[in-house]
Protein backbone atom coordinates (compact mmCIF):
# COMPACT_ATOMS: atom_id res chain seq x y z
CA UNK A 1 22.35 14.53 38.49
CA UNK A 2 19.14 13.03 40.44
CA UNK A 3 16.82 12.20 38.28
CA UNK A 4 18.11 9.77 35.67
CA UNK A 5 18.44 11.67 32.17
CA UNK A 6 17.55 10.22 28.55
CA UNK A 7 19.53 10.83 25.90
CA UNK A 8 19.08 10.84 22.14
CA UNK A 9 21.98 9.53 19.75
CA UNK A 10 21.69 10.52 16.52
CA UNK A 11 24.29 7.77 14.52
CA UNK A 12 25.13 4.28 15.29
CA UNK A 13 28.78 4.29 14.25
CA UNK A 14 31.84 3.87 16.48
CA UNK A 15 31.57 6.99 18.27
CA UNK A 16 27.59 6.90 19.08
CA UNK A 17 28.21 2.91 20.26
CA UNK A 18 30.72 3.68 22.80
CA UNK A 19 28.65 7.18 23.67
CA UNK A 20 25.91 4.82 24.32
CA UNK A 21 27.92 2.71 26.55
CA UNK A 22 29.45 5.02 28.80
CA UNK A 23 26.24 7.32 29.21
CA UNK A 24 24.72 4.28 30.67
CA UNK A 25 27.39 3.15 32.76
CA UNK A 26 27.15 7.00 34.58
CA UNK A 27 23.23 6.20 35.13
CA UNK A 28 21.88 7.85 31.71
CA UNK A 29 19.44 6.45 29.73
CA UNK A 30 20.05 5.86 25.94
CA UNK A 31 18.33 4.91 22.75
CA UNK A 32 20.46 5.00 19.35
CA UNK A 33 19.05 6.12 15.86
CA UNK A 34 20.61 4.67 12.68
CA UNK A 35 20.00 5.70 9.14
CA UNK A 36 21.16 2.42 7.81
CA UNK A 37 18.34 -0.48 8.26
CA UNK A 38 21.08 -3.45 8.47
CA UNK A 39 24.30 -2.43 10.34
CA UNK A 40 26.97 -4.14 8.49
CA UNK A 41 30.49 -4.81 9.22
CA UNK A 42 32.30 -2.53 6.26
CA UNK A 43 34.76 -0.54 5.42
CA UNK A 44 38.67 -1.68 5.86
CA UNK A 45 40.97 -1.20 8.82
CA UNK A 46 42.01 1.66 11.38
CA UNK A 47 44.16 1.78 14.37
CA UNK A 48 43.06 2.46 18.38
CA UNK A 49 45.38 4.25 20.47
CA UNK A 50 46.15 3.22 23.72
CA UNK A 51 44.17 6.28 25.54
CA UNK A 52 40.90 4.65 23.44
CA UNK A 53 41.50 1.08 24.44
CA UNK A 54 41.67 2.39 27.80
CA UNK A 55 38.24 3.32 27.79
CA UNK A 56 37.07 0.26 25.84
CA UNK A 57 38.89 -1.44 28.78
CA UNK A 58 37.04 0.06 31.16
CA UNK A 59 33.49 -0.28 29.44
CA UNK A 60 34.65 -4.26 29.52
CA UNK A 61 35.43 -4.88 26.10
CA UNK A 62 39.18 -6.19 26.80
CA UNK A 63 38.45 -9.70 25.86
CA UNK A 64 36.83 -9.19 22.28
CA UNK A 65 38.96 -7.00 21.56
CA UNK A 66 41.96 -9.68 21.93
CA UNK A 67 39.87 -12.05 19.69
CA UNK A 68 39.27 -8.94 16.94
CA UNK A 69 42.47 -6.86 16.49
CA UNK A 70 45.93 -7.37 16.39
CA UNK A 71 48.22 -5.81 19.19
CA UNK A 72 50.25 -3.53 17.28
CA UNK A 73 54.00 -3.62 18.13
CA UNK A 74 55.84 -1.19 16.07
CA UNK A 75 55.52 1.57 14.14
CA UNK A 76 57.44 2.46 10.80
CA UNK A 77 58.27 5.04 8.78
CA UNK A 78 60.41 4.53 5.24
CA UNK A 79 61.13 6.36 2.61
CA UNK A 80 59.92 5.44 -1.34
CA UNK A 81 63.14 3.14 -1.74
CA UNK A 82 62.03 1.32 1.45
CA UNK A 83 64.96 2.85 3.41
CA UNK A 84 63.92 3.30 7.33
CA UNK A 85 63.33 6.77 8.85
CA UNK A 86 61.69 5.86 11.62
CA UNK A 87 61.28 3.29 14.09
CA UNK A 88 59.47 2.51 17.68
CA UNK A 89 57.78 0.27 19.94
CA UNK A 90 53.74 0.64 19.88
CA UNK A 91 50.98 -0.03 22.49
CA UNK A 92 52.67 -2.94 25.11
CA UNK A 93 55.82 -3.14 23.89
CA UNK A 94 55.92 0.69 23.78
CA UNK A 95 55.17 0.59 27.64
CA UNK A 96 52.14 1.58 27.81
CA UNK A 97 49.37 -0.09 30.18
CA UNK A 98 47.03 -0.48 27.25
CA UNK A 99 47.28 -1.87 23.85
CA UNK A 100 47.44 -0.59 20.38
CA UNK A 101 45.27 -2.27 18.52
CA UNK A 102 45.13 -2.82 14.42
CA UNK A 103 41.84 -3.46 13.90
CA UNK A 104 39.23 -4.37 11.00
CA UNK A 105 36.43 -1.12 11.41
CA UNK A 106 33.34 -3.22 10.49
CA UNK A 107 34.20 -6.04 13.16
CA UNK A 108 34.81 -3.19 15.70
CA UNK A 109 31.41 -1.89 14.76
CA UNK A 110 29.90 -5.01 15.03
CA UNK A 111 31.49 -5.28 18.32
CA UNK A 112 30.59 -2.25 19.95
CA UNK A 113 26.93 -3.25 18.60
CA UNK A 114 27.14 -6.08 20.47
CA UNK A 115 28.60 -4.75 23.39
CA UNK A 116 25.36 -2.03 23.41
CA UNK A 117 22.72 -5.05 22.50
CA UNK A 118 24.27 -7.03 25.87
CA UNK A 119 24.57 -4.26 27.93
CA UNK A 120 22.31 -1.88 27.69
CA UNK A 121 19.34 -4.12 25.31
CA UNK A 122 18.64 -4.91 21.67
CA UNK A 123 15.78 -1.98 21.91
CA UNK A 124 17.89 0.30 22.71
CA UNK A 125 18.93 0.75 18.75
CA UNK A 126 16.58 1.91 16.41
CA UNK A 127 18.00 0.89 12.51
CA UNK A 128 16.67 2.84 9.30
CA UNK A 129 15.95 6.33 11.43
CA UNK A 130 17.65 9.03 9.36
CA UNK A 131 17.46 12.23 11.20
CA UNK A 132 14.95 14.99 9.41
CA UNK A 133 14.44 17.73 11.83
CA UNK A 134 14.77 18.38 15.49
CA UNK A 135 13.61 21.04 17.93
CA UNK A 136 14.73 22.03 21.15
CA UNK A 137 12.66 22.88 24.64
CA UNK A 138 13.70 24.45 28.07
CA UNK A 139 12.82 20.65 29.09
CA UNK A 140 14.59 18.59 26.30
CA UNK A 141 15.08 17.66 22.60
CA UNK A 142 12.37 16.12 20.18
CA UNK A 143 14.04 14.48 17.05
CA UNK A 144 11.99 13.73 13.98
CA UNK A 145 12.97 10.50 12.09
CA UNK A 146 12.29 9.33 8.60
CA UNK A 147 13.12 6.19 5.97
CA UNK A 148 15.75 7.66 4.16
CA UNK A 149 15.27 5.24 1.36
CA UNK A 150 11.36 6.35 0.98
CA UNK A 151 11.56 9.38 2.60
CA UNK A 152 8.51 8.64 4.53
CA UNK A 153 7.89 9.76 8.19
CA UNK A 154 8.65 7.27 10.80
CA UNK A 155 8.81 8.61 14.25
CA UNK A 156 9.26 11.75 16.50
CA UNK A 157 10.71 10.83 19.73
CA UNK A 158 11.91 12.87 22.94
CA UNK A 159 14.98 12.98 25.18
CA UNK A 160 16.60 15.15 27.68
CA UNK A 161 19.32 15.89 25.47
CA UNK A 162 20.34 15.04 22.09
CA UNK A 163 23.96 13.61 20.79
CA UNK A 164 24.96 14.16 17.20
CA UNK A 165 27.09 11.30 16.51
CA UNK A 166 25.96 11.37 12.72
CA UNK A 167 29.40 11.92 10.71
CA UNK A 168 31.04 13.99 8.64
CA UNK A 169 27.86 15.06 6.58
CA UNK A 170 26.34 15.25 9.80
CA UNK A 171 22.55 17.09 9.95
CA UNK A 172 22.57 18.56 12.99
CA UNK A 173 25.70 20.58 12.59
CA UNK A 174 24.30 21.62 9.47
CA UNK A 175 21.32 23.15 11.47
CA UNK A 176 23.99 25.15 13.35
CA UNK A 177 26.14 25.77 10.61
CA UNK A 178 24.00 26.17 7.82
CA UNK A 179 26.64 28.04 4.87
CA UNK A 180 29.53 25.62 6.03
CA UNK A 181 29.14 23.94 3.05
CA UNK A 182 30.96 20.04 1.76
CA UNK A 183 34.21 19.30 3.35
CA UNK A 184 37.40 20.76 2.56
CA UNK A 185 39.58 18.32 0.09
CA UNK A 186 43.29 17.96 0.95
CA UNK A 187 44.30 17.47 -3.02
CA UNK A 188 44.69 13.54 -2.40
CA UNK A 189 42.90 10.95 -2.68
CA UNK A 190 42.65 7.06 -0.60
CA UNK A 191 42.46 3.70 -2.22
CA UNK A 192 42.24 1.53 0.57
CA UNK A 193 41.89 -3.06 0.40
CA UNK A 194 42.65 -6.06 2.20
CA UNK A 195 44.68 -9.02 1.20
CA UNK A 196 45.74 -12.30 2.23
CA UNK A 197 49.28 -11.72 2.62
CA UNK A 198 52.59 -13.51 4.29
CA UNK A 199 53.29 -11.17 7.53
CA UNK A 200 56.28 -8.82 6.81
CA UNK A 201 58.52 -7.36 9.57
CA UNK A 202 57.35 -8.48 12.78
CA UNK A 203 53.96 -9.94 11.74
CA UNK A 204 52.47 -7.11 14.03
CA UNK A 205 54.06 -4.17 12.60
CA UNK A 206 52.56 -1.01 11.11
CA UNK A 207 54.13 0.75 8.04
CA UNK A 208 54.06 4.17 6.15
CA UNK A 209 56.41 4.94 3.10
CA UNK A 210 56.39 7.95 0.97
CA UNK A 211 55.94 11.16 1.23
CA UNK A 212 53.51 13.80 0.94
CA UNK A 213 51.79 12.94 -2.53
CA UNK A 214 52.45 9.50 -2.35
CA UNK A 215 52.40 6.77 0.16
CA UNK A 216 51.42 3.32 1.15
CA UNK A 217 50.76 1.96 4.52
CA UNK A 218 50.32 -1.81 5.37
CA UNK A 219 49.77 -3.06 8.97
CA UNK A 220 47.49 -6.78 9.43
CA UNK A 221 44.44 -6.66 11.33
CA UNK A 222 43.27 -10.40 12.01
CA UNK A 223 44.67 -12.31 14.77
CA UNK A 224 42.92 -15.73 13.45
CA UNK A 225 44.81 -15.26 10.21
CA UNK A 226 48.01 -14.78 12.01
CA UNK A 227 47.36 -18.07 14.26
CA UNK A 228 47.68 -19.74 11.07
CA UNK A 229 50.77 -18.28 10.07
CA UNK A 230 49.53 -15.28 7.33
CA UNK A 231 48.36 -12.09 7.11
CA UNK A 232 45.65 -10.56 6.56
CA UNK A 233 46.93 -6.92 5.42
CA UNK A 234 44.92 -3.50 5.33
CA UNK A 235 46.88 -1.23 3.29
CA UNK A 236 46.10 2.31 1.83
CA UNK A 237 47.51 3.76 -1.36
CA UNK A 238 47.42 7.80 -1.34
CA UNK A 239 48.55 9.88 -4.46
CA UNK A 240 47.97 13.76 -4.98
CA UNK A 241 46.02 14.56 -7.75
CA UNK A 242 44.72 17.62 -9.99
CA UNK A 243 41.91 19.64 -9.77
CA UNK A 244 38.37 19.42 -7.22
CA UNK A 245 37.34 16.34 -6.58
CA UNK A 246 33.62 15.99 -4.82
CA UNK A 247 33.43 14.90 -1.27
CA UNK A 248 32.07 11.08 -0.76
CA UNK A 249 31.35 10.17 2.79
CA UNK A 250 30.39 6.16 1.04
CA UNK A 251 33.60 3.89 1.50
CA UNK A 252 31.88 1.44 -0.79
CA UNK A 253 32.54 3.21 -3.94
CA UNK A 254 34.55 0.12 -5.73
CA UNK A 255 37.20 1.39 -8.06
CA UNK A 256 39.85 -0.40 -10.69
CA UNK A 257 43.37 -0.74 -9.41
CA UNK A 258 45.08 0.63 -12.45
CA UNK A 259 43.70 4.12 -11.91
CA UNK A 260 46.33 3.97 -8.62
CA UNK A 261 48.75 0.74 -9.25
CA UNK A 262 50.98 1.95 -11.53
CA UNK A 263 52.67 4.64 -9.89
CA UNK A 264 53.41 1.82 -7.43
CA UNK A 265 55.18 -0.77 -9.50
CA UNK A 266 58.33 -0.33 -8.29
CA UNK A 267 57.52 -0.22 -4.59
CA UNK A 268 59.12 -3.81 -3.91
CA UNK A 269 61.03 -3.32 -0.59
CA UNK A 270 62.08 -6.88 -0.24
CA UNK A 271 60.36 -6.91 3.14
CA UNK A 272 57.06 -6.06 1.73
CA UNK A 273 56.09 -6.03 -2.27
CA UNK A 274 53.75 -3.56 -2.65
CA UNK A 275 52.74 -4.27 -6.46
CA UNK A 276 52.04 -8.02 -5.51
CA UNK A 277 50.02 -6.69 -2.33
CA UNK A 278 48.10 -4.60 -4.34
CA UNK A 279 47.62 -7.51 -7.25
CA UNK A 280 46.44 -10.23 -4.94
CA UNK A 281 43.35 -7.63 -3.42
CA UNK A 282 40.21 -8.57 -4.76
CA UNK A 283 38.60 -5.45 -3.84
CA UNK A 284 39.72 -1.92 -3.75
CA UNK A 285 37.88 1.33 -2.31
CA UNK A 286 38.49 5.13 -3.30
CA UNK A 287 37.71 7.65 -0.74
CA UNK A 288 39.30 11.42 -0.95
CA UNK A 289 40.84 13.09 1.71
CA UNK A 290 38.94 15.60 3.78
CA UNK A 291 38.19 16.83 7.13
CA UNK A 292 36.35 20.27 7.96
CA UNK A 293 37.42 23.67 9.72
CA UNK A 294 36.94 23.42 14.02
CA UNK A 295 34.28 24.91 15.48
CA UNK A 296 33.83 27.81 17.31
CA UNK A 297 30.71 26.04 19.41
CA UNK A 298 29.53 22.28 19.57
CA UNK A 299 27.25 22.75 22.38
CA UNK A 300 24.25 24.20 21.58
CA UNK A 301 21.70 24.06 25.21
CA UNK A 302 20.49 20.54 25.02
CA UNK A 303 21.91 19.63 21.72
CA UNK A 304 25.81 18.78 21.15
CA UNK A 305 28.38 16.96 18.63
CA UNK A 306 30.68 14.58 19.23
CA UNK A 307 32.72 12.35 16.51
CA UNK A 308 33.02 13.00 13.31
CA UNK A 309 30.51 15.39 13.52
CA UNK A 310 32.36 17.86 15.60
CA UNK A 311 35.78 17.17 14.33
CA UNK A 312 36.45 15.29 10.82
CA UNK A 313 40.66 15.01 10.16
CA UNK A 314 42.54 13.46 7.81
CA UNK A 315 43.52 9.55 8.49
CA UNK A 316 47.00 10.50 9.78
CA UNK A 317 48.14 10.01 13.50
CA UNK A 318 45.89 6.50 13.30
CA UNK A 319 42.98 9.24 15.67
CA UNK A 320 39.65 9.32 14.08
CA UNK A 321 37.94 6.53 15.81
CA UNK A 322 40.06 6.91 18.52
CA UNK A 323 39.34 10.66 19.06
CA UNK A 324 35.14 9.48 19.04
CA UNK A 325 36.01 7.26 21.99
CA UNK A 326 37.77 9.87 23.94
CA UNK A 327 34.52 12.56 23.11
CA UNK A 328 32.46 9.86 24.62
CA UNK A 329 34.30 9.31 27.88
CA UNK A 330 34.88 13.04 27.77
CA UNK A 331 30.85 13.27 27.47
CA UNK A 332 30.13 10.58 30.60
CA UNK A 333 32.86 12.16 33.42
CA UNK A 334 30.62 15.36 32.65
CA UNK A 335 27.34 14.11 33.83
CA UNK A 336 29.49 12.62 36.59
CA UNK A 337 30.68 15.96 37.53
CA UNK A 338 27.82 18.87 36.25
CA UNK A 339 24.40 19.33 37.96
CA UNK A 340 22.68 19.65 34.54
CA UNK A 341 22.28 18.37 31.42
CA UNK A 342 23.08 22.24 29.75
CA UNK A 343 26.35 21.89 32.22
CA UNK A 344 27.82 19.19 30.96
CA UNK A 345 27.28 19.42 27.14
CA UNK A 346 29.03 22.40 28.00
CA UNK A 347 31.65 21.42 30.03
CA UNK A 348 32.31 18.20 27.78
CA UNK A 349 32.70 20.58 24.96
CA UNK A 350 35.06 22.73 26.63
CA UNK A 351 37.22 19.64 27.79
CA UNK A 352 37.34 18.38 23.83
CA UNK A 353 37.20 21.07 21.72
CA UNK A 354 41.08 22.85 22.08
CA UNK A 355 42.42 19.53 21.34
CA UNK A 356 40.93 18.19 18.70
CA UNK A 357 41.02 21.06 16.83
CA UNK A 358 44.76 21.13 17.33
CA UNK A 359 45.03 17.70 15.73
CA UNK A 360 42.49 18.60 12.72
CA UNK A 361 45.38 21.29 12.25
CA UNK A 362 48.78 19.13 12.99
CA UNK A 363 46.72 16.87 10.51
CA UNK A 364 46.44 19.36 7.59
CA UNK A 365 50.80 19.77 8.25
CA UNK A 366 50.77 16.12 7.83
CA UNK A 367 51.00 15.07 11.52
CA UNK A 368 54.05 12.63 12.59
CA UNK A 369 54.13 11.71 9.19
CA UNK A 370 56.08 14.67 8.52
CA UNK A 371 59.08 12.86 9.17
CA UNK A 372 58.58 11.10 5.74
CA UNK A 373 58.01 14.65 4.27
CA UNK A 374 61.18 16.41 5.63
CA UNK A 375 63.74 13.44 4.49
CA UNK A 376 61.78 13.63 0.60
CA UNK A 377 62.18 17.19 0.07
CA UNK A 378 65.88 16.86 1.74
CA UNK A 379 67.08 13.68 0.35
CA UNK A 380 64.19 12.45 -3.29
CA UNK A 381 67.00 10.14 -4.35
CA UNK A 382 67.65 8.49 -1.16
CA UNK A 383 70.23 8.19 1.58
CA UNK A 384 73.35 6.50 2.53
CA UNK A 385 73.07 7.69 6.73
CA UNK A 386 69.69 8.74 7.20
CA UNK A 387 71.54 11.06 10.04
CA UNK A 388 72.91 12.71 7.49
CA UNK A 389 69.12 14.42 6.58
CA UNK A 390 67.27 14.55 9.33
CA UNK A 391 68.66 13.76 12.76
CA UNK A 392 67.18 11.70 15.92
CA UNK A 393 66.18 14.58 18.04
CA UNK A 394 64.00 15.97 15.45
CA UNK A 395 62.53 12.43 14.70
CA UNK A 396 61.76 11.96 18.25
CA UNK A 397 60.83 15.75 18.85
CA UNK A 398 58.10 15.44 15.94
CA UNK A 399 56.77 11.86 17.35
CA UNK A 400 56.41 13.37 21.18
CA UNK A 401 54.80 16.02 20.38
CA UNK A 402 52.51 14.59 18.25
CA UNK A 403 51.78 12.32 21.22
CA UNK A 404 51.32 14.80 23.14
CA UNK A 405 48.57 16.84 21.61
CA UNK A 406 46.68 13.60 20.38
CA UNK A 407 46.53 12.77 24.51
CA UNK A 408 48.27 9.58 24.26
CA UNK A 409 52.06 10.62 25.29
CA UNK A 410 52.98 7.63 27.76
CA UNK A 411 53.71 8.90 30.70
CA UNK A 412 50.76 11.08 30.87
CA UNK A 413 48.61 8.29 30.30
CA UNK A 414 49.64 5.95 32.22
CA UNK A 415 49.19 7.81 35.84
CA UNK A 416 45.50 8.23 34.27
CA UNK A 417 43.00 6.81 37.20
CA UNK A 418 42.78 3.16 35.86
CA UNK A 419 44.93 -0.27 36.89
CA UNK A 420 45.48 -1.12 32.96
CA UNK A 421 44.23 -4.28 31.65
CA UNK A 422 41.62 -6.31 33.58
């Protein structure tokens, strides 16, 4: 494209900020509009898979990530008795050119916000701007914003195109799909917290135990704590619940641990004491596990969807943030390769719609965590020999298939253009 284009990015979360960095790199002018007035380091832990870290590396964030996240060394699955079902190295330990990072979502968010301010400029971030409405024209887009708290209209802005990175309750998605309704509830609730503890296993391990209706996940997220010989552990307790639960998008609802903790009272595996970890956690957040059905179309002329606005998915396989980052990369690449805005946005959606739809549907079947459900169904009272219950080949096939679906098969990723960590 000869003339510099201007993007309106609705949503200043992980997807929106990485999109800003990527578009800026390929010569597109950006403005990011975020609903909240003050962006804070909210949330708990997430994982960034190597294919996402590759993109962040290319955006110049290698050193920042090293200072902020734990390079995940291994992933282990266990049954509810703490018996190991699956073990695999992760990131650099698995031979990838890029690490996998376990990282606090809020700290990653601030890292990206600071990168946008440093690389592009502080004046491209518009906080306290909630999208009220938008109009499209032959030569651009006009977006009107309001103060969400007061309802006061605060500005109208023009751009060549609009990127909706405004989350699972996207205003833009609702505009194009007004009858979609609420997100789809899985029947399971997540309770999440962070507590300082003694390191478990390698000190860089990610573990999951249990099965579909009762699961516990834990991994460390803070390198500074690790340097002191301790571990800041992010954990997730998950249970199936009866009835319909209204979906929420707010991670900040605090709950009493007694709502779920009794279900995990016997889960002391020796190498990890689950009830003690829950007990020592000061604040616990509750969130229903929800997603939405894959869409038939993301791009509408000069407007397109990205991240959770396009493909909200269950937090299975460590994929949510990573897939938003892959969206941003594909979008930037489309603007390099295509001669017009409309063709670029259409090309981006063509590249990303099918892969993300597969992940959404695979995650509904528990993704790679399905091995825990298989073992629970075949051996609910535990096992003496794992391979009497499930073969090594079956385990490997499930793990490898998911890596291919999610786009981080090691050989394919390592052969992509780019020379690893800089």
